[in-house]
Amino acid sequence: MRGGRGAWSPTAIGRCAREGVLRASKFTTGAFIAAAAISANVSARQQTAEVADGKQKYDVYCATCHGPEGKGDGTLSKSVRKKPADLTQLAKKNNGQFPADTVAKFIDGRTRDEAHLKSDMPVWGDVFSKSQTSSSPEEVKARIDALVKYIETLQQKR
């Protein structure tokens, strides 16, 4: 005992408490950062898989008209009434923002807006809903979402 005091003076207890809080805080912060990094890694892998799935679907359903790079120069582009859109310019034409919802609605096509009626583009929502491999509304949406994610990667960088 120093100075007639017990080993656990109020000062010593306060110091230990502060050190304990700091250690716990560092541990919690470290655990949070690790969890966020794992979550970001999983999310990045999911997005990469979705983009890869979208590219596969794009190559099957879209590239013959829009071309392998989305520039509207596919092998069938000269055979249709209206030249297919240059998909690399969608964000540029929309003030730098990729119009994902508009692209999804246009690919789906079941809303039959004026622009879709004037094009030779298939109504993919109908095609996908009649498919034996993905006919549920959720599966149709997942196919269209994958295409949209891939088309977003085609956007021309400034």
C-alpha atoms as a PDB file:
ATOM      1  CA  MET A   1       0.000   0.000   0.000  1.00  0.00           C
ATOM      2  CA  ARG A   2       1.281   3.385  -0.958  1.00  0.00           C
ATOM      3  CA  GLY A   3       0.543   6.419   1.153  1.00  0.00           C
ATOM      4  CA  GLY A   4      -1.875   4.447   3.280  1.00  0.00           C
ATOM      5  CA  ARG A   5      -4.169   3.822   0.349  1.00  0.00           C
ATOM      6  CA  GLY A   6      -5.292   0.511  -1.039  1.00  0.00           C
ATOM      7  CA  ALA A   7      -3.915  -0.725  -4.367  1.00  0.00           C
ATOM      8  CA  TRP A   8      -7.195   0.167  -6.033  1.00  0.00           C
ATOM      9  CA  SER A   9      -7.531   3.895  -5.494  1.00  0.00           C
ATOM     10  CA  PRO A  10     -10.210   5.794  -7.379  1.00  0.00           C
ATOM     11  CA  THR A  11      -7.497   7.085  -9.711  1.00  0.00           C
ATOM     12  CA  ALA A  12      -6.234   3.575 -10.456  1.00  0.00           C
ATOM     13  CA  ILE A  13      -9.738   2.277 -11.007  1.00  0.00           C
ATOM     14  CA  GLY A  14     -10.514   5.162 -13.394  1.00  0.00           C
ATOM     15  CA  ARG A  15      -7.304   4.561 -15.341  1.00  0.00           C
ATOM     16  CA  CYS A  16      -8.058   0.813 -15.661  1.00  0.00           C
ATOM     17  CA  ALA A  17     -11.606   1.548 -16.718  1.00  0.00           C
ATOM     18  CA  ARG A  18     -10.437   3.996 -19.397  1.00  0.00           C
ATOM     19  CA  GLU A  19      -7.847   1.511 -20.700  1.00  0.00           C
ATOM     20  CA  GLY A  20     -10.484  -1.227 -20.767  1.00  0.00           C
ATOM     21  CA  VAL A  21     -12.874   0.999 -22.698  1.00  0.00           C
ATOM     22  CA  LEU A  22     -10.107   1.896 -25.160  1.00  0.00           C
ATOM     23  CA  ARG A  23      -9.209  -1.783 -25.654  1.00  0.00           C
ATOM     24  CA  ALA A  24     -12.870  -2.697 -26.129  1.00  0.00           C
ATOM     25  CA  SER A  25     -13.329   0.226 -28.495  1.00  0.00           C
ATOM     26  CA  LYS A  26     -10.296  -0.802 -30.563  1.00  0.00           C
ATOM     27  CA  PHE A  27     -11.549  -4.392 -30.683  1.00  0.00           C
ATOM     28  CA  THR A  28     -15.051  -3.304 -31.698  1.00  0.00           C
ATOM     29  CA  THR A  29     -13.695  -0.940 -34.348  1.00  0.00           C
ATOM     30  CA  GLY A  30     -11.404  -3.666 -35.699  1.00  0.00           C
ATOM     31  CA  ALA A  31     -14.252  -6.172 -35.786  1.00  0.00           C
ATOM     32  CA  PHE A  32     -16.492  -3.648 -37.545  1.00  0.00           C
ATOM     33  CA  ILE A  33     -13.839  -2.870 -40.166  1.00  0.00           C
ATOM     34  CA  ALA A  34     -13.235  -6.584 -40.767  1.00  0.00           C
ATOM     35  CA  ALA A  35     -16.970  -7.230 -41.132  1.00  0.00           C
ATOM     36  CA  ALA A  36     -17.341  -4.295 -43.536  1.00  0.00           C
ATOM     37  CA  ALA A  37     -14.396  -5.521 -45.620  1.00  0.00           C
ATOM     38  CA  ILE A  38     -15.860  -9.024 -45.811  1.00  0.00           C
ATOM     39  CA  SER A  39     -19.271  -7.622 -46.727  1.00  0.00           C
ATOM     40  CA  ALA A  40     -17.768  -5.375 -49.416  1.00  0.00           C
ATOM     41  CA  ASN A  41     -15.796  -8.327 -50.815  1.00  0.00           C
ATOM     42  CA  VAL A  42     -18.913 -10.516 -50.947  1.00  0.00           C
ATOM     43  CA  SER A  43     -20.905  -7.671 -52.518  1.00  0.00           C
ATOM     44  CA  ALA A  44     -18.174  -7.073 -55.115  1.00  0.00           C
ATOM     45  CA  ARG A  45     -18.108 -10.783 -55.974  1.00  0.00           C
ATOM     46  CA  GLN A  46     -21.907 -10.829 -56.310  1.00  0.00           C
ATOM     47  CA  GLN A  47     -21.803  -7.787 -58.597  1.00  0.00           C
ATOM     48  CA  THR A  48     -19.000  -9.350 -60.642  1.00  0.00           C
ATOM     49  CA  ALA A  49     -21.030 -12.550 -61.002  1.00  0.00           C
ATOM     50  CA  GLU A  50     -24.128 -10.577 -61.967  1.00  0.00           C
ATOM     51  CA  VAL A  51     -22.171  -8.584 -64.571  1.00  0.00           C
ATOM     52  CA  ALA A  52     -20.685 -11.823 -65.969  1.00  0.00           C
ATOM     53  CA  ASP A  53     -24.182 -13.321 -66.131  1.00  0.00           C
ATOM     54  CA  GLY A  54     -25.405 -10.151 -67.836  1.00  0.00           C
ATOM     55  CA  LYS A  55     -22.597 -10.319 -70.393  1.00  0.00           C
ATOM     56  CA  GLN A  56     -23.493 -13.926 -71.213  1.00  0.00           C
ATOM     57  CA  LYS A  57     -27.137 -12.915 -71.697  1.00  0.00           C
ATOM     58  CA  TYR A  58     -26.104  -9.833 -73.698  1.00  0.00           C
ATOM     59  CA  ASP A  59     -23.990 -11.987 -76.035  1.00  0.00           C
ATOM     60  CA  VAL A  60     -26.983 -14.276 -76.625  1.00  0.00           C
ATOM     61  CA  TYR A  61     -29.848 -11.766 -76.832  1.00  0.00           C
ATOM     62  CA  CYS A  62     -28.412  -8.348 -77.700  1.00  0.00           C
ATOM     63  CA  ALA A  63     -25.061  -8.478 -79.477  1.00  0.00           C
ATOM     64  CA  THR A  64     -26.452  -9.454 -82.893  1.00  0.00           C
ATOM     65  CA  CYS A  65     -28.099  -6.035 -83.140  1.00  0.00           C
ATOM     66  CA  HIS A  66     -26.187  -3.822 -80.697  1.00  0.00           C
ATOM     67  CA  GLY A  67     -22.765  -5.330 -81.442  1.00  0.00           C
ATOM     68  CA  PRO A  68     -20.249  -6.965 -79.140  1.00  0.00           C
ATOM     69  CA  GLU A  69     -19.285  -3.607 -77.607  1.00  0.00           C
ATOM     70  CA  GLY A  70     -22.807  -2.143 -77.560  1.00  0.00           C
ATOM     71  CA  LYS A  71     -22.203   0.468 -80.256  1.00  0.00           C
ATOM     72  CA  GLY A  72     -25.238  -0.467 -82.368  1.00  0.00           C
ATOM     73  CA  ASP A  73     -23.142  -2.171 -85.025  1.00  0.00           C
ATOM     74  CA  GLY A  74     -24.118  -5.828 -84.682  1.00  0.00           C
ATOM     75  CA  THR A  75     -24.365  -8.218 -87.607  1.00  0.00           C
ATOM     76  CA  LEU A  76     -28.130  -7.630 -87.923  1.00  0.00           C
ATOM     77  CA  SER A  77     -27.994  -3.849 -87.402  1.00  0.00           C
ATOM     78  CA  LYS A  78     -28.349  -3.115 -91.116  1.00  0.00           C
ATOM     79  CA  SER A  79     -31.328  -5.467 -91.422  1.00  0.00           C
ATOM     80  CA  VAL A  80     -33.661  -3.593 -89.078  1.00  0.00           C
ATOM     81  CA  ARG A  81     -35.840  -0.547 -89.762  1.00  0.00           C
ATOM     82  CA  LYS A  82     -34.205   1.665 -87.138  1.00  0.00           C
ATOM     83  CA  LYS A  83     -30.508   1.491 -86.291  1.00  0.00           C
ATOM     84  CA  PRO A  84     -30.032  -0.123 -82.852  1.00  0.00           C
ATOM     85  CA  ALA A  85     -29.035   2.259 -80.082  1.00  0.00           C
ATOM     86  CA  ASP A  86     -25.412   2.839 -79.187  1.00  0.00           C
ATOM     87  CA  LEU A  87     -25.628   1.489 -75.660  1.00  0.00           C
ATOM     88  CA  THR A  88     -22.287   3.051 -74.697  1.00  0.00           C
ATOM     89  CA  GLN A  89     -23.848   6.541 -74.792  1.00  0.00           C
ATOM     90  CA  LEU A  90     -26.819   6.073 -72.461  1.00  0.00           C
ATOM     91  CA  ALA A  91     -25.252   7.743 -69.402  1.00  0.00           C
ATOM     92  CA  LYS A  92     -23.769  10.536 -71.518  1.00  0.00           C
ATOM     93  CA  LYS A  93     -27.206  11.300 -72.967  1.00  0.00           C
ATOM     94  CA  ASN A  94     -28.629  11.327 -69.435  1.00  0.00           C
ATOM     95  CA  ASN A  95     -26.379  13.977 -67.859  1.00  0.00           C
ATOM     96  CA  GLY A  96     -23.752  11.416 -66.859  1.00  0.00           C
ATOM     97  CA  GLN A  97     -26.162   9.195 -64.949  1.00  0.00           C
ATOM     98  CA  PHE A  98     -26.875   5.695 -66.197  1.00  0.00           C
ATOM     99  CA  PRO A  99     -30.695   5.430 -66.498  1.00  0.00           C
ATOM    100  CA  ALA A 100     -30.999   1.890 -65.108  1.00  0.00           C
ATOM    101  CA  ASP A 101     -34.780   1.980 -64.587  1.00  0.00           C
ATOM    102  CA  THR A 102     -35.435   3.313 -68.086  1.00  0.00           C
ATOM    103  CA  VAL A 103     -33.118   0.706 -69.616  1.00  0.00           C
ATOM    104  CA  ALA A 104     -34.822  -2.082 -67.646  1.00  0.00           C
ATOM    105  CA  LYS A 105     -38.281  -0.926 -68.797  1.00  0.00           C
ATOM    106  CA  PHE A 106     -37.131  -0.680 -72.402  1.00  0.00           C
ATOM    107  CA  ILE A 107     -35.585  -4.174 -72.351  1.00  0.00           C
ATOM    108  CA  ASP A 108     -38.730  -5.572 -70.730  1.00  0.00           C
ATOM    109  CA  GLY A 109     -40.855  -3.810 -73.354  1.00  0.00           C
ATOM    110  CA  ARG A 110     -44.200  -4.907 -71.981  1.00  0.00           C
ATOM    111  CA  THR A 111     -45.207  -1.311 -71.261  1.00  0.00           C
ATOM    112  CA  ARG A 112     -45.205  -0.702 -75.054  1.00  0.00           C
ATOM    113  CA  ASP A 113     -44.123   2.913 -75.053  1.00  0.00           C
ATOM    114  CA  GLU A 114     -43.872   4.875 -78.306  1.00  0.00           C
ATOM    115  CA  ALA A 115     -40.116   4.347 -78.729  1.00  0.00           C
ATOM    116  CA  HIS A 116     -40.411   0.590 -78.367  1.00  0.00           C
ATOM    117  CA  LEU A 117     -43.267   0.399 -80.854  1.00  0.00           C
ATOM    118  CA  LYS A 118     -41.102   2.091 -83.509  1.00  0.00           C
ATOM    119  CA  SER A 119     -38.188  -0.323 -83.094  1.00  0.00           C
ATOM    120  CA  ASP A 120     -37.630  -3.901 -84.142  1.00  0.00           C
ATOM    121  CA  MET A 121     -36.391  -4.780 -80.663  1.00  0.00           C
ATOM    122  CA  PRO A 122     -38.104  -7.842 -79.232  1.00  0.00           C
ATOM    123  CA  VAL A 123     -40.261  -7.495 -76.155  1.00  0.00           C
ATOM    124  CA  TRP A 124     -37.831  -9.399 -73.938  1.00  0.00           C
ATOM    125  CA  GLY A 125     -40.190  -9.410 -70.952  1.00  0.00           C
ATOM    126  CA  ASP A 126     -42.596 -11.572 -72.973  1.00  0.00           C
ATOM    127  CA  VAL A 127     -39.800 -13.725 -74.381  1.00  0.00           C
ATOM    128  CA  PHE A 128     -38.298 -14.351 -70.932  1.00  0.00           C
ATOM    129  CA  SER A 129     -41.681 -14.987 -69.296  1.00  0.00           C
ATOM    130  CA  LYS A 130     -42.418 -17.709 -71.852  1.00  0.00           C
ATOM    131  CA  SER A 131     -39.005 -19.313 -71.417  1.00  0.00           C
ATOM    132  CA  GLN A 132     -38.877 -22.780 -69.913  1.00  0.00           C
ATOM    133  CA  THR A 133     -35.816 -21.831 -67.875  1.00  0.00           C
ATOM    134  CA  SER A 134     -37.021 -18.609 -66.220  1.00  0.00           C
ATOM    135  CA  SER A 135     -40.690 -17.872 -66.501  1.00  0.00           C
ATOM    136  CA  SER A 136     -41.529 -16.555 -63.014  1.00  0.00           C
ATOM    137  CA  PRO A 137     -41.753 -12.774 -62.629  1.00  0.00           C
ATOM    138  CA  GLU A 138     -38.748 -12.847 -60.278  1.00  0.00           C
ATOM    139  CA  GLU A 139     -36.646 -14.793 -62.785  1.00  0.00           C
ATOM    140  CA  VAL A 140     -37.643 -12.465 -65.630  1.00  0.00           C
ATOM    141  CA  LYS A 141     -36.670  -9.465 -63.483  1.00  0.00           C
ATOM    142  CA  ALA A 142     -33.349 -11.110 -62.559  1.00  0.00           C
ATOM    143  CA  ARG A 143     -32.529 -11.669 -66.250  1.00  0.00           C
ATOM    144  CA  ILE A 144     -33.340  -8.079 -67.129  1.00  0.00           C
ATOM    145  CA  ASP A 145     -31.428  -6.749 -64.091  1.00  0.00           C
ATOM    146  CA  ALA A 146     -28.344  -8.746 -65.116  1.00  0.00           C
ATOM    147  CA  LEU A 147     -28.537  -7.259 -68.624  1.00  0.00           C
ATOM    148  CA  VAL A 148     -28.894  -3.757 -67.186  1.00  0.00           C
ATOM    149  CA  LYS A 149     -25.867  -4.260 -64.890  1.00  0.00           C
ATOM    150  CA  TYR A 150     -23.786  -5.387 -67.849  1.00  0.00           C
ATOM    151  CA  ILE A 151     -24.956  -2.560 -70.115  1.00  0.00           C
ATOM    152  CA  GLU A 152     -23.982  -0.122 -67.371  1.00  0.00           C
ATOM    153  CA  THR A 153     -20.389  -1.389 -67.670  1.00  0.00           C
ATOM    154  CA  LEU A 154     -20.391  -0.505 -71.380  1.00  0.00           C
ATOM    155  CA  GLN A 155     -20.833   3.215 -70.716  1.00  0.00           C
ATOM    156  CA  GLN A 156     -18.218   5.335 -72.414  1.00  0.00           C
ATOM    157  CA  LYS A 157     -15.923   6.979 -69.915  1.00  0.00           C
ATOM    158  CA  ARG A 158     -15.609  10.720 -70.326  1.00  0.00           C
END
